[in-house]
């Protein structure tokens, strides 16, 4: 079928020609590869989205750690501990004498 007019395309005669039928495996391979390409694109997009979410979670966890660490550092300072003890009515007092090293000669 050498004459490929619009009517032969519309009624499907072109797809039934011998030259096109011989190319069916190649056409099927190309369709399969396009399908796999599209699926891989969607998979990459989902993976990128999960990676972004994980980075946000890590950043949130880092900031929570830094906040808790700063609060712990502040509450365990000697002045804060002494103030807390005084407020609770403790009779403990800070040692104003620096420690001395005992050497054995």
Protein backbone atom coordinates (compact mmCIF):
# COMPACT_ATOMS: atom_id res chain seq x y z
CA UNK A 1 0.00 0.00 0.00
CA UNK A 2 2.10 2.83 -1.32
CA UNK A 3 -0.58 5.48 -1.21
CA UNK A 4 -1.10 6.65 2.38
CA UNK A 5 -3.88 9.19 2.16
CA UNK A 6 -5.90 10.54 5.07
CA UNK A 7 -8.64 7.96 4.55
CA UNK A 8 -6.21 5.05 4.98
CA UNK A 9 -4.97 6.54 8.26
CA UNK A 10 -8.48 7.11 9.56
CA UNK A 11 -9.81 3.62 8.78
CA UNK A 12 -6.65 1.89 10.06
CA UNK A 13 -5.44 0.43 6.77
CA UNK A 14 -1.97 1.87 7.42
CA UNK A 15 -1.67 -0.03 10.69
CA UNK A 16 -2.58 -3.28 8.92
CA UNK A 17 0.08 -2.91 6.25
CA UNK A 18 2.90 -5.45 6.20
CA UNK A 19 5.65 -2.87 6.75
CA UNK A 20 3.99 -1.58 9.94
CA UNK A 21 3.10 -5.08 11.21
CA UNK A 22 6.78 -6.02 11.04
CA UNK A 23 7.51 -3.06 13.34
CA UNK A 24 4.98 -4.06 16.05
CA UNK A 25 7.67 -5.51 18.39
CA UNK A 26 9.71 -2.32 18.08
CA UNK A 27 6.64 -0.17 18.72
CA UNK A 28 5.76 -2.31 21.76
CA UNK A 29 9.33 -1.92 23.07
CA UNK A 30 9.21 1.86 22.61
CA UNK A 31 5.83 2.07 24.40
CA UNK A 32 7.18 -0.07 27.27
CA UNK A 33 10.29 2.11 27.58
CA UNK A 34 8.20 5.29 27.61
CA UNK A 35 5.99 3.77 30.31
CA UNK A 36 9.04 2.83 32.43
CA UNK A 37 10.51 6.32 31.88
CA UNK A 38 7.32 7.96 33.16
CA UNK A 39 7.16 5.63 36.18
CA UNK A 40 10.79 6.37 37.04
CA UNK A 41 10.07 10.11 36.88
CA UNK A 42 7.18 9.77 39.32
CA UNK A 43 9.30 7.56 41.59
CA UNK A 44 12.13 10.12 41.59
CA UNK A 45 9.66 12.88 42.44
CA UNK A 46 8.24 10.92 45.37
CA UNK A 47 11.73 10.09 46.63
CA UNK A 48 12.76 13.76 46.39
CA UNK A 49 9.64 14.75 48.35
CA UNK A 50 10.43 12.19 51.09
CA UNK A 51 14.03 13.44 51.23
CA UNK A 52 12.82 17.03 51.67
CA UNK A 53 10.44 15.95 54.44
CA UNK A 54 13.23 14.03 56.19
CA UNK A 55 15.55 17.05 56.00
CA UNK A 56 12.84 19.21 57.59
CA UNK A 57 12.35 16.65 60.37
CA UNK A 58 16.12 16.54 61.00
CA UNK A 59 16.28 20.33 61.17
CA UNK A 60 13.36 20.39 63.64
CA UNK A 61 15.05 17.73 65.77
CA UNK A 62 18.32 19.70 65.69
CA UNK A 63 16.59 22.87 66.89
CA UNK A 64 14.74 20.95 69.63
CA UNK A 65 18.08 19.49 70.76
CA UNK A 66 19.71 22.93 70.80
CA UNK A 67 16.82 24.41 72.81
CA UNK A 68 16.87 21.60 75.38
CA UNK A 69 20.67 21.76 75.60
CA UNK A 70 20.58 25.52 76.23
CA UNK A 71 17.88 25.09 78.89
CA UNK A 72 19.88 22.34 80.59
CA UNK A 73 23.05 24.44 80.52
CA UNK A 74 21.18 27.37 82.05
CA UNK A 75 19.48 25.37 84.81
CA UNK A 76 22.67 23.57 85.88
CA UNK A 77 24.78 26.70 86.34
CA UNK A 78 26.04 27.13 89.87
CA UNK A 79 24.20 30.40 90.34
CA UNK A 80 20.90 28.89 89.17
CA UNK A 81 21.32 25.86 91.44
CA UNK A 82 22.12 28.12 94.41
CA UNK A 83 19.07 30.30 93.69
CA UNK A 84 16.82 27.24 93.41
CA UNK A 85 18.14 25.86 96.72
CA UNK A 86 17.54 29.18 98.48
CA UNK A 87 14.00 29.37 97.12
CA UNK A 88 13.30 25.87 98.48
CA UNK A 89 14.55 26.84 101.92
CA UNK A 90 17.73 24.76 101.91
CA UNK A 91 20.47 25.58 104.42
CA UNK A 92 23.26 24.62 102.02
CA UNK A 93 25.68 27.41 101.19
CA UNK A 94 28.19 27.86 98.44
CA UNK A 95 31.82 27.20 99.33
CA UNK A 96 33.68 30.49 98.89
CA UNK A 97 37.11 28.95 99.59
CA UNK A 98 38.79 27.65 96.49
CA UNK A 99 39.82 23.99 96.62
CA UNK A 100 43.42 23.23 97.49
CA UNK A 101 45.49 20.40 96.20
CA UNK A 102 47.07 18.18 98.80
CA UNK A 103 50.42 16.88 97.68
CA UNK A 104 52.34 14.13 99.34
CA UNK A 105 56.05 14.82 99.41
